[in-house]
């Protein structure tokens, strides 16, 4: 099994129903997926660097078959959702107190909204 296949499996196995029991572990696993993204990118010109950031497949992290630009967009959206749900579960907004939240990460389209809850 290739490394990229393993990453894809890990992303797809992250729970999409988040609660007090799994939110911290889900965030920890997600952050671990980010550890293999290189922090250094080089190019011979600024135009080539910008083109690579926008167009070249990254081949790292939770979204390996998209550009750094697209991957960063998806990752930041995912982190906003994950940390937002963590805050909601911790009671940050008293009026919003659900026991669990269903989420769409990356480019999931399983729900009508990125975060849903029912009571």
PDB file of N, CA and C in Angstrom:
ATOM      1  N   UNK A   1       0.851  -1.177   0.000  1.00  0.00           N
ATOM      2  CA  UNK A   1       0.000   0.000   0.000  1.00  0.00           C
ATOM      3  C   UNK A   1       0.898   1.241   0.000  1.00  0.00           C
ATOM      4  N   UNK A   2       0.600   2.176  -0.875  1.00  0.00           N
ATOM      5  CA  UNK A   2       1.416   3.385  -0.970  1.00  0.00           C
ATOM      6  C   UNK A   2       1.124   4.329   0.194  1.00  0.00           C
ATOM      7  N   UNK A   3       2.059   5.221   0.430  1.00  0.00           N
ATOM      8  CA  UNK A   3       1.909   6.212   1.490  1.00  0.00           C
ATOM      9  C   UNK A   3       0.696   7.104   1.240  1.00  0.00           C
ATOM     10  N   UNK A   4       0.501   7.518  -0.014  1.00  0.00           N
ATOM     11  CA  UNK A   4      -0.634   8.377  -0.345  1.00  0.00           C
ATOM     12  C   UNK A   4      -1.964   7.656  -0.130  1.00  0.00           C
ATOM     13  N   UNK A   5      -1.995   6.366  -0.409  1.00  0.00           N
ATOM     14  CA  UNK A   5      -3.205   5.583  -0.161  1.00  0.00           C
ATOM     15  C   UNK A   5      -3.493   5.519   1.329  1.00  0.00           C
ATOM     16  N   UNK A   6      -2.451   5.333   2.124  1.00  0.00           N
ATOM     17  CA  UNK A   6      -2.604   5.299   3.580  1.00  0.00           C
ATOM     18  C   UNK A   6      -3.145   6.627   4.109  1.00  0.00           C
ATOM     19  N   UNK A   7      -2.622   7.738   3.608  1.00  0.00           N
ATOM     20  CA  UNK A   7      -3.105   9.067   4.016  1.00  0.00           C
ATOM     21  C   UNK A   7      -4.590   9.209   3.679  1.00  0.00           C
ATOM     22  N   UNK A   8      -4.965   8.791   2.473  1.00  0.00           N
ATOM     23  CA  UNK A   8      -6.368   8.897   2.053  1.00  0.00           C
ATOM     24  C   UNK A   8      -7.269   8.070   2.964  1.00  0.00           C
ATOM     25  N   UNK A   9      -6.822   6.883   3.325  1.00  0.00           N
ATOM     26  CA  UNK A   9      -7.594   6.029   4.229  1.00  0.00           C
ATOM     27  C   UNK A   9      -7.746   6.705   5.588  1.00  0.00           C
ATOM     28  N   UNK A  10      -6.652   7.273   6.101  1.00  0.00           N
ATOM     29  CA  UNK A  10      -6.720   7.956   7.400  1.00  0.00           C
ATOM     30  C   UNK A  10      -7.712   9.122   7.379  1.00  0.00           C
ATOM     31  N   UNK A  11      -7.673   9.925   6.326  1.00  0.00           N
ATOM     32  CA  UNK A  11      -8.603  11.055   6.218  1.00  0.00           C
ATOM     33  C   UNK A  11     -10.038  10.545   6.170  1.00  0.00           C
ATOM     34  N   UNK A  12     -10.269   9.505   5.394  1.00  0.00           N
ATOM     35  CA  UNK A  12     -11.629   8.980   5.245  1.00  0.00           C
ATOM     36  C   UNK A  12     -12.135   8.277   6.502  1.00  0.00           C
ATOM     37  N   UNK A  13     -11.236   7.843   7.382  1.00  0.00           N
ATOM     38  CA  UNK A  13     -11.668   7.172   8.605  1.00  0.00           C
ATOM     39  C   UNK A  13     -11.829   8.129   9.780  1.00  0.00           C
ATOM     40  N   UNK A  14     -11.486   9.398   9.595  1.00  0.00           N
ATOM     41  CA  UNK A  14     -11.754  10.365  10.664  1.00  0.00           C
ATOM     42  C   UNK A  14     -13.258  10.393  10.911  1.00  0.00           C
ATOM     43  N   UNK A  15     -13.675  10.382  12.172  1.00  0.00           N
ATOM     44  CA  UNK A  15     -15.117  10.392  12.425  1.00  0.00           C
ATOM     45  C   UNK A  15     -15.769  11.667  11.905  1.00  0.00           C
ATOM     46  N   UNK A  16     -16.945  11.513  11.348  1.00  0.00           N
ATOM     47  CA  UNK A  16     -17.709  12.673  10.883  1.00  0.00           C
ATOM     48  C   UNK A  16     -18.810  13.028  11.880  1.00  0.00           C
ATOM     49  N   UNK A  17     -18.975  12.193  12.911  1.00  0.00           N
ATOM     50  CA  UNK A  17     -19.847  12.513  14.036  1.00  0.00           C
ATOM     51  C   UNK A  17     -18.930  12.763  15.219  1.00  0.00           C
ATOM     52  N   UNK A  18     -18.912  14.006  15.680  1.00  0.00           N
ATOM     53  CA  UNK A  18     -17.973  14.414  16.726  1.00  0.00           C
ATOM     54  C   UNK A  18     -18.715  14.653  18.035  1.00  0.00           C
ATOM     55  N   UNK A  19     -18.068  14.209  19.128  1.00  0.00           N
ATOM     56  CA  UNK A  19     -18.637  14.360  20.456  1.00  0.00           C
ATOM     57  C   UNK A  19     -17.511  14.525  21.474  1.00  0.00           C
ATOM     58  N   UNK A  20     -17.851  14.617  22.741  1.00  0.00           N
ATOM     59  CA  UNK A  20     -16.846  14.804  23.797  1.00  0.00           C
ATOM     60  C   UNK A  20     -15.829  13.666  23.822  1.00  0.00           C
ATOM     61  N   UNK A  21     -16.247  12.463  23.456  1.00  0.00           N
ATOM     62  CA  UNK A  21     -15.363  11.302  23.529  1.00  0.00           C
ATOM     63  C   UNK A  21     -14.328  11.246  22.404  1.00  0.00           C
ATOM     64  N   UNK A  22     -14.601  11.864  21.266  1.00  0.00           N
ATOM     65  CA  UNK A  22     -13.666  11.693  20.151  1.00  0.00           C
ATOM     66  C   UNK A  22     -13.076  12.986  19.581  1.00  0.00           C
ATOM     67  N   UNK A  23     -13.506  14.144  20.037  1.00  0.00           N
ATOM     68  CA  UNK A  23     -13.065  15.391  19.402  1.00  0.00           C
ATOM     69  C   UNK A  23     -11.563  15.630  19.555  1.00  0.00           C
ATOM     70  N   UNK A  24     -11.017  15.438  20.742  1.00  0.00           N
ATOM     71  CA  UNK A  24      -9.580  15.697  20.943  1.00  0.00           C
ATOM     72  C   UNK A  24      -8.727  14.740  20.117  1.00  0.00           C
ATOM     73  N   UNK A  25      -9.092  13.467  20.099  1.00  0.00           N
ATOM     74  CA  UNK A  25      -8.341  12.484  19.323  1.00  0.00           C
ATOM     75  C   UNK A  25      -8.454  12.768  17.827  1.00  0.00           C
ATOM     76  N   UNK A  26      -9.622  13.177  17.376  1.00  0.00           N
ATOM     77  CA  UNK A  26      -9.813  13.491  15.956  1.00  0.00           C
ATOM     78  C   UNK A  26      -8.913  14.653  15.544  1.00  0.00           C
ATOM     79  N   UNK A  27      -8.862  15.688  16.369  1.00  0.00           N
ATOM     80  CA  UNK A  27      -7.981  16.831  16.074  1.00  0.00           C
ATOM     81  C   UNK A  27      -6.523  16.396  16.086  1.00  0.00           C
ATOM     82  N   UNK A  28      -6.135  15.568  17.054  1.00  0.00           N
ATOM     83  CA  UNK A  28      -4.740  15.101  17.142  1.00  0.00           C
ATOM     84  C   UNK A  28      -4.344  14.307  15.900  1.00  0.00           C
ATOM     85  N   UNK A  29      -5.213  13.422  15.446  1.00  0.00           N
ATOM     86  CA  UNK A  29      -4.922  12.631  14.238  1.00  0.00           C
ATOM     87  C   UNK A  29      -4.830  13.551  13.024  1.00  0.00           C
ATOM     88  N   UNK A  30      -5.735  14.498  12.937  1.00  0.00           N
ATOM     89  CA  UNK A  30      -5.722  15.429  11.802  1.00  0.00           C
ATOM     90  C   UNK A  30      -4.420  16.233  11.779  1.00  0.00           C
ATOM     91  N   UNK A  31      -4.023  16.751  12.930  1.00  0.00           N
ATOM     92  CA  UNK A  31      -2.772  17.527  12.992  1.00  0.00           C
ATOM     93  C   UNK A  31      -1.569  16.669  12.629  1.00  0.00           C
ATOM     94  N   UNK A  32      -1.608  15.398  12.978  1.00  0.00           N
ATOM     95  CA  UNK A  32      -0.516  14.480  12.632  1.00  0.00           C
ATOM     96  C   UNK A  32      -0.414  14.314  11.115  1.00  0.00           C
ATOM     97  N   UNK A  33      -1.552  14.347  10.428  1.00  0.00           N
ATOM     98  CA  UNK A  33      -1.540  14.251   8.968  1.00  0.00           C
ATOM     99  C   UNK A  33      -0.813  15.438   8.332  1.00  0.00           C
ATOM    100  N   UNK A  34      -0.793  16.568   9.037  1.00  0.00           N
ATOM    101  CA  UNK A  34      -0.138  17.765   8.500  1.00  0.00           C
ATOM    102  C   UNK A  34       1.377  17.726   8.660  1.00  0.00           C
ATOM    103  N   UNK A  35       1.865  16.850   9.550  1.00  0.00           N
ATOM    104  CA  UNK A  35       3.301  16.799   9.840  1.00  0.00           C
ATOM    105  C   UNK A  35       4.171  16.447   8.640  1.00  0.00           C
ATOM    106  N   UNK A  36       3.620  15.755   7.648  1.00  0.00           N
ATOM    107  CA  UNK A  36       4.467  15.337   6.523  1.00  0.00           C
ATOM    108  C   UNK A  36       4.476  16.329   5.365  1.00  0.00           C
ATOM    109  N   UNK A  37       3.840  17.481   5.541  1.00  0.00           N
ATOM    110  CA  UNK A  37       3.884  18.505   4.494  1.00  0.00           C
ATOM    111  C   UNK A  37       5.195  19.286   4.648  1.00  0.00           C
ATOM    112  N   UNK A  38       6.008  19.341   3.605  1.00  0.00           N
ATOM    113  CA  UNK A  38       7.279  20.055   3.723  1.00  0.00           C
ATOM    114  C   UNK A  38       7.078  21.547   3.987  1.00  0.00           C
ATOM    115  N   UNK A  39       7.971  22.105   4.775  1.00  0.00           N
ATOM    116  CA  UNK A  39       7.869  23.522   5.119  1.00  0.00           C
ATOM    117  C   UNK A  39       8.704  24.403   4.198  1.00  0.00           C
ATOM    118  N   UNK A  40       9.412  23.799   3.276  1.00  0.00           N
ATOM    119  CA  UNK A  40      10.281  24.568   2.395  1.00  0.00           C
ATOM    120  C   UNK A  40       9.909  24.301   0.934  1.00  0.00           C
ATOM    121  N   UNK A  41       9.662  25.356   0.205  1.00  0.00           N
ATOM    122  CA  UNK A  41       9.358  25.273  -1.217  1.00  0.00           C
ATOM    123  C   UNK A  41      10.320  26.197  -1.942  1.00  0.00           C
ATOM    124  N   UNK A  42      10.938  25.696  -3.009  1.00  0.00           N
ATOM    125  CA  UNK A  42      11.921  26.489  -3.738  1.00  0.00           C
ATOM    126  C   UNK A  42      11.538  26.595  -5.203  1.00  0.00           C
ATOM    127  N   UNK A  43      12.024  27.675  -5.805  1.00  0.00           N
ATOM    128  CA  UNK A  43      11.801  27.894  -7.226  1.00  0.00           C
ATOM    129  C   UNK A  43      12.860  28.849  -7.742  1.00  0.00           C
ATOM    130  N   UNK A  44      12.989  28.922  -9.060  1.00  0.00           N
ATOM    131  CA  UNK A  44      13.958  29.827  -9.668  1.00  0.00           C
ATOM    132  C   UNK A  44      13.398  31.221  -9.901  1.00  0.00           C
ATOM    133  N   UNK A  45      12.084  31.369  -9.792  1.00  0.00           N
ATOM    134  CA  UNK A  45      11.476  32.680  -9.987  1.00  0.00           C
ATOM    135  C   UNK A  45      10.182  32.759  -9.181  1.00  0.00           C
ATOM    136  N   UNK A  46       9.784  33.969  -8.872  1.00  0.00           N
ATOM    137  CA  UNK A  46       8.547  34.158  -8.115  1.00  0.00           C
ATOM    138  C   UNK A  46       7.355  33.678  -8.929  1.00  0.00           C
ATOM    139  N   UNK A  47       7.370  33.908 -10.242  1.00  0.00           N
ATOM    140  CA  UNK A  47       6.263  33.458 -11.079  1.00  0.00           C
ATOM    141  C   UNK A  47       6.145  31.942 -11.048  1.00  0.00           C
ATOM    142  N   UNK A  48       7.267  31.247 -11.130  1.00  0.00           N
ATOM    143  CA  UNK A  48       7.231  29.783 -11.083  1.00  0.00           C
ATOM    144  C   UNK A  48       6.767  29.297  -9.714  1.00  0.00           C
ATOM    145  N   UNK A  49       7.223  29.937  -8.647  1.00  0.00           N
ATOM    146  CA  UNK A  49       6.795  29.569  -7.298  1.00  0.00           C
ATOM    147  C   UNK A  49       5.282  29.729  -7.143  1.00  0.00           C
ATOM    148  N   UNK A  50       4.760  30.857  -7.573  1.00  0.00           N
ATOM    149  CA  UNK A  50       3.321  31.101  -7.465  1.00  0.00           C
ATOM    150  C   UNK A  50       2.526  30.126  -8.329  1.00  0.00           C
ATOM    151  N   UNK A  51       3.041  29.825  -9.503  1.00  0.00           N
ATOM    152  CA  UNK A  51       2.380  28.851 -10.377  1.00  0.00           C
ATOM    153  C   UNK A  51       2.362  27.480  -9.716  1.00  0.00           C
ATOM    154  N   UNK A  52       3.494  27.077  -9.129  1.00  0.00           N
ATOM    155  CA  UNK A  52       3.566  25.784  -8.447  1.00  0.00           C
ATOM    156  C   UNK A  52       2.601  25.725  -7.259  1.00  0.00           C
ATOM    157  N   UNK A  53       2.541  26.786  -6.477  1.00  0.00           N
ATOM    158  CA  UNK A  53       1.638  26.824  -5.325  1.00  0.00           C
ATOM    159  C   UNK A  53       0.197  26.677  -5.773  1.00  0.00           C
ATOM    160  N   UNK A  54      -0.144  27.284  -6.876  1.00  0.00           N
ATOM    161  CA  UNK A  54      -1.530  27.287  -7.370  1.00  0.00           C
ATOM    162  C   UNK A  54      -1.872  26.041  -8.180  1.00  0.00           C
ATOM    163  N   UNK A  55      -0.902  25.450  -8.885  1.00  0.00           N
ATOM    164  CA  UNK A  55      -1.223  24.396  -9.858  1.00  0.00           C
ATOM    165  C   UNK A  55      -0.586  23.028  -9.590  1.00  0.00           C
ATOM    166  N   UNK A  56       0.604  22.969  -9.021  1.00  0.00           N
ATOM    167  CA  UNK A  56       1.334  21.707  -8.877  1.00  0.00           C
ATOM    168  C   UNK A  56       0.754  20.863  -7.739  1.00  0.00           C
ATOM    169  N   UNK A  57       0.548  19.547  -8.003  1.00  0.00           N
ATOM    170  CA  UNK A  57       0.041  18.664  -6.954  1.00  0.00           C
ATOM    171  C   UNK A  57       1.042  18.592  -5.810  1.00  0.00           C
ATOM    172  N   UNK A  58       0.514  18.653  -4.598  1.00  0.00           N
ATOM    173  CA  UNK A  58       1.346  18.677  -3.404  1.00  0.00           C
ATOM    174  C   UNK A  58       1.928  17.305  -3.075  1.00  0.00           C
ATOM    175  N   UNK A  59       1.105  16.245  -3.156  1.00  0.00           N
ATOM    176  CA  UNK A  59       1.501  14.869  -2.837  1.00  0.00           C
ATOM    177  C   UNK A  59       1.891  14.662  -1.379  1.00  0.00           C
ATOM    178  N   UNK A  60       1.345  15.473  -0.481  1.00  0.00           N
ATOM    179  CA  UNK A  60       1.560  15.348   0.961  1.00  0.00           C
ATOM    180  C   UNK A  60       0.274  15.734   1.684  1.00  0.00           C
ATOM    181  N   UNK A  61       0.198  15.370   2.945  1.00  0.00           N
ATOM    182  CA  UNK A  61      -0.894  15.828   3.793  1.00  0.00           C
ATOM    183  C   UNK A  61      -2.220  15.154   3.510  1.00  0.00           C
ATOM    184  N   UNK A  62      -3.284  15.673   4.102  1.00  0.00           N
ATOM    185  CA  UNK A  62      -4.588  15.023   3.985  1.00  0.00           C
ATOM    186  C   UNK A  62      -5.218  15.108   2.596  1.00  0.00           C
ATOM    187  N   UNK A  63      -4.737  16.005   1.759  1.00  0.00           N
ATOM    188  CA  UNK A  63      -5.267  16.150   0.396  1.00  0.00           C
ATOM    189  C   UNK A  63      -4.108  16.128  -0.592  1.00  0.00           C
ATOM    190  N   UNK A  64      -3.533  14.949  -0.834  1.00  0.00           N
ATOM    191  CA  UNK A  64      -2.286  14.869  -1.605  1.00  0.00           C
ATOM    192  C   UNK A  64      -2.414  15.098  -3.102  1.00  0.00           C
ATOM    193  N   UNK A  65      -3.588  15.055  -3.656  1.00  0.00           N
ATOM    194  CA  UNK A  65      -3.707  15.171  -5.113  1.00  0.00           C
ATOM    195  C   UNK A  65      -4.224  16.526  -5.559  1.00  0.00           C
ATOM    196  N   UNK A  66      -3.977  17.542  -4.746  1.00  0.00           N
ATOM    197  CA  UNK A  66      -4.356  18.905  -5.115  1.00  0.00           C
ATOM    198  C   UNK A  66      -3.152  19.815  -4.884  1.00  0.00           C
ATOM    199  N   UNK A  67      -3.259  21.043  -5.330  1.00  0.00           N
ATOM    200  CA  UNK A  67      -2.160  21.999  -5.164  1.00  0.00           C
ATOM    201  C   UNK A  67      -2.042  22.443  -3.701  1.00  0.00           C
ATOM    202  N   UNK A  68      -0.908  23.064  -3.375  1.00  0.00           N
ATOM    203  CA  UNK A  68      -0.721  23.610  -2.031  1.00  0.00           C
ATOM    204  C   UNK A  68      -1.812  24.626  -1.717  1.00  0.00           C
ATOM    205  N   UNK A  69      -2.158  25.448  -2.679  1.00  0.00           N
ATOM    206  CA  UNK A  69      -3.195  26.459  -2.513  1.00  0.00           C
ATOM    207  C   UNK A  69      -4.522  25.807  -2.136  1.00  0.00           C
ATOM    208  N   UNK A  70      -4.933  24.800  -2.904  1.00  0.00           N
ATOM    209  CA  UNK A  70      -6.211  24.114  -2.637  1.00  0.00           C
ATOM    210  C   UNK A  70      -6.138  23.321  -1.335  1.00  0.00           C
ATOM    211  N   UNK A  71      -5.021  22.666  -1.095  1.00  0.00           N
ATOM    212  CA  UNK A  71      -4.861  21.907   0.140  1.00  0.00           C
ATOM    213  C   UNK A  71      -4.958  22.819   1.361  1.00  0.00           C
ATOM    214  N   UNK A  72      -4.298  23.962   1.303  1.00  0.00           N
ATOM    215  CA  UNK A  72      -4.345  24.918   2.424  1.00  0.00           C
ATOM    216  C   UNK A  72      -5.775  25.386   2.667  1.00  0.00           C
ATOM    217  N   UNK A  73      -6.515  25.638   1.603  1.00  0.00           N
ATOM    218  CA  UNK A  73      -7.903  26.065   1.733  1.00  0.00           C
ATOM    219  C   UNK A  73      -8.737  24.987   2.444  1.00  0.00           C
ATOM    220  N   UNK A  74      -8.592  23.734   2.013  1.00  0.00           N
ATOM    221  CA  UNK A  74      -9.349  22.640   2.629  1.00  0.00           C
ATOM    222  C   UNK A  74      -8.914  22.411   4.074  1.00  0.00           C
ATOM    223  N   UNK A  75      -7.608  22.433   4.322  1.00  0.00           N
ATOM    224  CA  UNK A  75      -7.090  22.199   5.678  1.00  0.00           C
ATOM    225  C   UNK A  75      -7.592  23.270   6.637  1.00  0.00           C
ATOM    226  N   UNK A  76      -7.526  24.525   6.240  1.00  0.00           N
ATOM    227  CA  UNK A  76      -7.977  25.592   7.135  1.00  0.00           C
ATOM    228  C   UNK A  76      -9.483  25.509   7.379  1.00  0.00           C
ATOM    229  N   UNK A  77     -10.250  25.112   6.375  1.00  0.00           N
ATOM    230  CA  UNK A  77     -11.687  24.908   6.578  1.00  0.00           C
ATOM    231  C   UNK A  77     -11.936  23.759   7.556  1.00  0.00           C
ATOM    232  N   UNK A  78     -11.190  22.666   7.375  1.00  0.00           N
ATOM    233  CA  UNK A  78     -11.327  21.529   8.286  1.00  0.00           C
ATOM    234  C   UNK A  78     -10.986  21.922   9.722  1.00  0.00           C
ATOM    235  N   UNK A  79      -9.884  22.654   9.894  1.00  0.00           N
ATOM    236  CA  UNK A  79      -9.481  23.055  11.241  1.00  0.00           C
ATOM    237  C   UNK A  79     -10.489  24.004  11.876  1.00  0.00           C
ATOM    238  N   UNK A  80     -11.072  24.875  11.077  1.00  0.00           N
ATOM    239  CA  UNK A  80     -12.120  25.766  11.579  1.00  0.00           C
ATOM    240  C   UNK A  80     -13.303  24.946  12.086  1.00  0.00           C
ATOM    241  N   UNK A  81     -13.689  23.944  11.322  1.00  0.00           N
ATOM    242  CA  UNK A  81     -14.798  23.075  11.727  1.00  0.00           C
ATOM    243  C   UNK A  81     -14.428  22.292  12.980  1.00  0.00           C
ATOM    244  N   UNK A  82     -13.260  21.640  12.983  1.00  0.00           N
ATOM    245  CA  UNK A  82     -12.871  20.799  14.117  1.00  0.00           C
ATOM    246  C   UNK A  82     -12.742  21.603  15.416  1.00  0.00           C
ATOM    247  N   UNK A  83     -12.043  22.727  15.356  1.00  0.00           N
ATOM    248  CA  UNK A  83     -11.880  23.533  16.567  1.00  0.00           C
ATOM    249  C   UNK A  83     -13.181  24.231  16.952  1.00  0.00           C
ATOM    250  N   UNK A  84     -14.011  24.578  15.986  1.00  0.00           N
ATOM    251  CA  UNK A  84     -15.312  25.168  16.288  1.00  0.00           C
ATOM    252  C   UNK A  84     -16.205  24.183  17.017  1.00  0.00           C
ATOM    253  N   UNK A  85     -16.231  22.939  16.549  1.00  0.00           N
ATOM    254  CA  UNK A  85     -17.026  21.907  17.214  1.00  0.00           C
ATOM    255  C   UNK A  85     -16.467  21.636  18.615  1.00  0.00           C
ATOM    256  N   UNK A  86     -15.157  21.633  18.737  1.00  0.00           N
ATOM    257  CA  UNK A  86     -14.554  21.441  20.071  1.00  0.00           C
ATOM    258  C   UNK A  86     -15.038  22.524  21.033  1.00  0.00           C
ATOM    259  N   UNK A  87     -15.065  23.763  20.569  1.00  0.00           N
ATOM    260  CA  UNK A  87     -15.545  24.872  21.405  1.00  0.00           C
ATOM    261  C   UNK A  87     -17.026  24.696  21.751  1.00  0.00           C
ATOM    262  N   UNK A  88     -17.828  24.309  20.773  1.00  0.00           N
ATOM    263  CA  UNK A  88     -19.251  24.097  21.028  1.00  0.00           C
ATOM    264  C   UNK A  88     -19.463  22.982  22.052  1.00  0.00           C
ATOM    265  N   UNK A  89     -18.699  21.896  21.913  1.00  0.00           N
ATOM    266  CA  UNK A  89     -18.826  20.780  22.856  1.00  0.00           C
ATOM    267  C   UNK A  89     -18.378  21.158  24.264  1.00  0.00           C
ATOM    268  N   UNK A  90     -17.485  22.146  24.356  1.00  0.00           N
ATOM    269  CA  UNK A  90     -17.007  22.565  25.679  1.00  0.00           C
ATOM    270  C   UNK A  90     -17.929  23.605  26.315  1.00  0.00           C
ATOM    271  N   UNK A  91     -19.010  23.985  25.607  1.00  0.00           N
ATOM    272  CA  UNK A  91     -19.973  24.911  26.172  1.00  0.00           C
ATOM    273  C   UNK A  91     -19.660  26.372  25.946  1.00  0.00           C
ATOM    274  N   UNK A  92     -18.864  26.679  24.937  1.00  0.00           N
ATOM    275  CA  UNK A  92     -18.469  28.068  24.670  1.00  0.00           C
ATOM    276  C   UNK A  92     -19.672  28.966  24.393  1.00  0.00           C
ATOM    277  N   UNK A  93     -20.701  28.408  23.792  1.00  0.00           N
ATOM    278  CA  UNK A  93     -21.939  29.164  23.542  1.00  0.00           C
ATOM    279  C   UNK A  93     -23.054  28.415  24.264  1.00  0.00           C
ATOM    280  N   UNK A  94     -23.470  28.951  25.379  1.00  0.00           N
ATOM    281  CA  UNK A  94     -24.416  28.283  26.259  1.00  0.00           C
ATOM    282  C   UNK A  94     -25.694  27.837  25.550  1.00  0.00           C
ATOM    283  N   UNK A  95     -26.178  28.643  24.623  1.00  0.00           N
ATOM    284  CA  UNK A  95     -27.430  28.347  23.934  1.00  0.00           C
ATOM    285  C   UNK A  95     -27.299  27.225  22.893  1.00  0.00           C
ATOM    286  N   UNK A  96     -26.088  26.888  22.532  1.00  0.00           N
ATOM    287  CA  UNK A  96     -25.858  25.813  21.554  1.00  0.00           C
ATOM    288  C   UNK A  96     -25.215  24.658  22.304  1.00  0.00           C
ATOM    289  N   UNK A  97     -26.020  23.697  22.705  1.00  0.00           N
ATOM    290  CA  UNK A  97     -25.507  22.632  23.570  1.00  0.00           C
ATOM    291  C   UNK A  97     -25.957  21.247  23.101  1.00  0.00           C
ATOM    292  N   UNK A  98     -25.460  20.831  21.970  1.00  0.00           N
ATOM    293  CA  UNK A  98     -25.759  19.511  21.438  1.00  0.00           C
ATOM    294  C   UNK A  98     -24.700  18.520  21.919  1.00  0.00           C
ATOM    295  N   UNK A  99     -25.079  17.248  22.009  1.00  0.00           N
ATOM    296  CA  UNK A  99     -24.141  16.211  22.448  1.00  0.00           C
ATOM    297  C   UNK A  99     -23.200  15.772  21.342  1.00  0.00           C
ATOM    298  N   UNK A 100     -23.622  15.946  20.092  1.00  0.00           N
ATOM    299  CA  UNK A 100     -22.758  15.566  18.977  1.00  0.00           C
ATOM    300  C   UNK A 100     -23.076  16.419  17.752  1.00  0.00           C
ATOM    301  N   UNK A 101     -22.090  16.493  16.873  1.00  0.00           N
ATOM    302  CA  UNK A 101     -22.209  17.277  15.641  1.00  0.00           C
ATOM    303  C   UNK A 101     -21.766  16.410  14.478  1.00  0.00           C
ATOM    304  N   UNK A 102     -22.514  16.449  13.396  1.00  0.00           N
ATOM    305  CA  UNK A 102     -22.122  15.781  12.157  1.00  0.00           C
ATOM    306  C   UNK A 102     -21.445  16.826  11.279  1.00  0.00           C
ATOM    307  N   UNK A 103     -20.275  16.474  10.743  1.00  0.00           N
ATOM    308  CA  UNK A 103     -19.496  17.444   9.978  1.00  0.00           C
ATOM    309  C   UNK A 103     -19.114  16.891   8.609  1.00  0.00           C
ATOM    310  N   UNK A 104     -18.922  17.794   7.681  1.00  0.00           N
ATOM    311  CA  UNK A 104     -18.307  17.492   6.395  1.00  0.00           C
ATOM    312  C   UNK A 104     -16.915  18.103   6.416  1.00  0.00           C
ATOM    313  N   UNK A 105     -15.922  17.292   6.084  1.00  0.00           N
ATOM    314  CA  UNK A 105     -14.543  17.772   6.010  1.00  0.00           C
ATOM    315  C   UNK A 105     -14.087  17.770   4.561  1.00  0.00           C
ATOM    316  N   UNK A 106     -13.095  18.606   4.262  1.00  0.00           N
ATOM    317  CA  UNK A 106     -12.533  18.637   2.914  1.00  0.00           C
ATOM    318  C   UNK A 106     -13.573  18.959   1.883  1.00  0.00           C
ATOM    319  N   UNK A 107     -13.844  18.002   1.056  1.00  0.00           N
ATOM    320  CA  UNK A 107     -14.848  18.205   0.022  1.00  0.00           C
ATOM    321  C   UNK A 107     -15.954  17.161   0.134  1.00  0.00           C
ATOM    322  N   UNK A 108     -16.236  16.738   1.389  1.00  0.00           N
ATOM    323  CA  UNK A 108     -17.394  15.872   1.638  1.00  0.00           C
ATOM    324  C   UNK A 108     -18.654  16.638   1.269  1.00  0.00           C
ATOM    325  N   UNK A 109     -19.642  15.930   0.817  1.00  0.00           N
ATOM    326  CA  UNK A 109     -20.961  16.519   0.588  1.00  0.00           C
ATOM    327  C   UNK A 109     -22.021  15.552   1.102  1.00  0.00           C
ATOM    328  N   UNK A 110     -21.855  15.139   2.360  1.00  0.00           N
ATOM    329  CA  UNK A 110     -22.786  14.186   2.958  1.00  0.00           C
ATOM    330  C   UNK A 110     -23.948  14.876   3.665  1.00  0.00           C
ATOM    331  N   UNK A 111     -23.746  16.108   4.065  1.00  0.00           N
ATOM    332  CA  UNK A 111     -24.756  16.861   4.796  1.00  0.00           C
ATOM    333  C   UNK A 111     -25.172  18.087   3.990  1.00  0.00           C
ATOM    334  N   UNK A 112     -26.241  18.692   4.423  1.00  0.00           N
ATOM    335  CA  UNK A 112     -26.684  19.911   3.770  1.00  0.00           C
ATOM    336  C   UNK A 112     -25.758  21.085   4.146  1.00  0.00           C
ATOM    337  N   UNK A 113     -25.152  21.008   5.351  1.00  0.00           N
ATOM    338  CA  UNK A 113     -24.271  22.057   5.850  1.00  0.00           C
ATOM    339  C   UNK A 113     -22.971  21.425   6.353  1.00  0.00           C
ATOM    340  N   UNK A 114     -21.943  22.239   6.548  1.00  0.00           N
ATOM    341  CA  UNK A 114     -20.657  21.725   7.044  1.00  0.00           C
ATOM    342  C   UNK A 114     -20.773  21.165   8.452  1.00  0.00           C
ATOM    343  N   UNK A 115     -21.634  21.773   9.278  1.00  0.00           N
ATOM    344  CA  UNK A 115     -21.849  21.303  10.654  1.00  0.00           C
ATOM    345  C   UNK A 115     -23.354  21.205  10.872  1.00  0.00           C
ATOM    346  N   UNK A 116     -23.786  20.035  11.341  1.00  0.00           N
ATOM    347  CA  UNK A 116     -25.198  19.833  11.656  1.00  0.00           C
ATOM    348  C   UNK A 116     -25.332  19.177  13.023  1.00  0.00           C
ATOM    349  N   UNK A 117     -26.416  19.482  13.711  1.00  0.00           N
ATOM    350  CA  UNK A 117     -26.727  18.853  14.991  1.00  0.00           C
ATOM    351  C   UNK A 117     -28.232  18.732  15.119  1.00  0.00           C
ATOM    352  N   UNK A 118     -28.662  17.686  15.809  1.00  0.00           N
ATOM    353  CA  UNK A 118     -30.091  17.461  16.021  1.00  0.00           C
ATOM    354  C   UNK A 118     -30.333  17.135  17.489  1.00  0.00           C
ATOM    355  N   UNK A 119     -31.515  17.509  17.951  1.00  0.00           N
ATOM    356  CA  UNK A 119     -31.890  17.197  19.322  1.00  0.00           C
ATOM    357  C   UNK A 119     -33.348  16.860  19.374  1.00  0.00           C
TER     358      UNK A 119
END
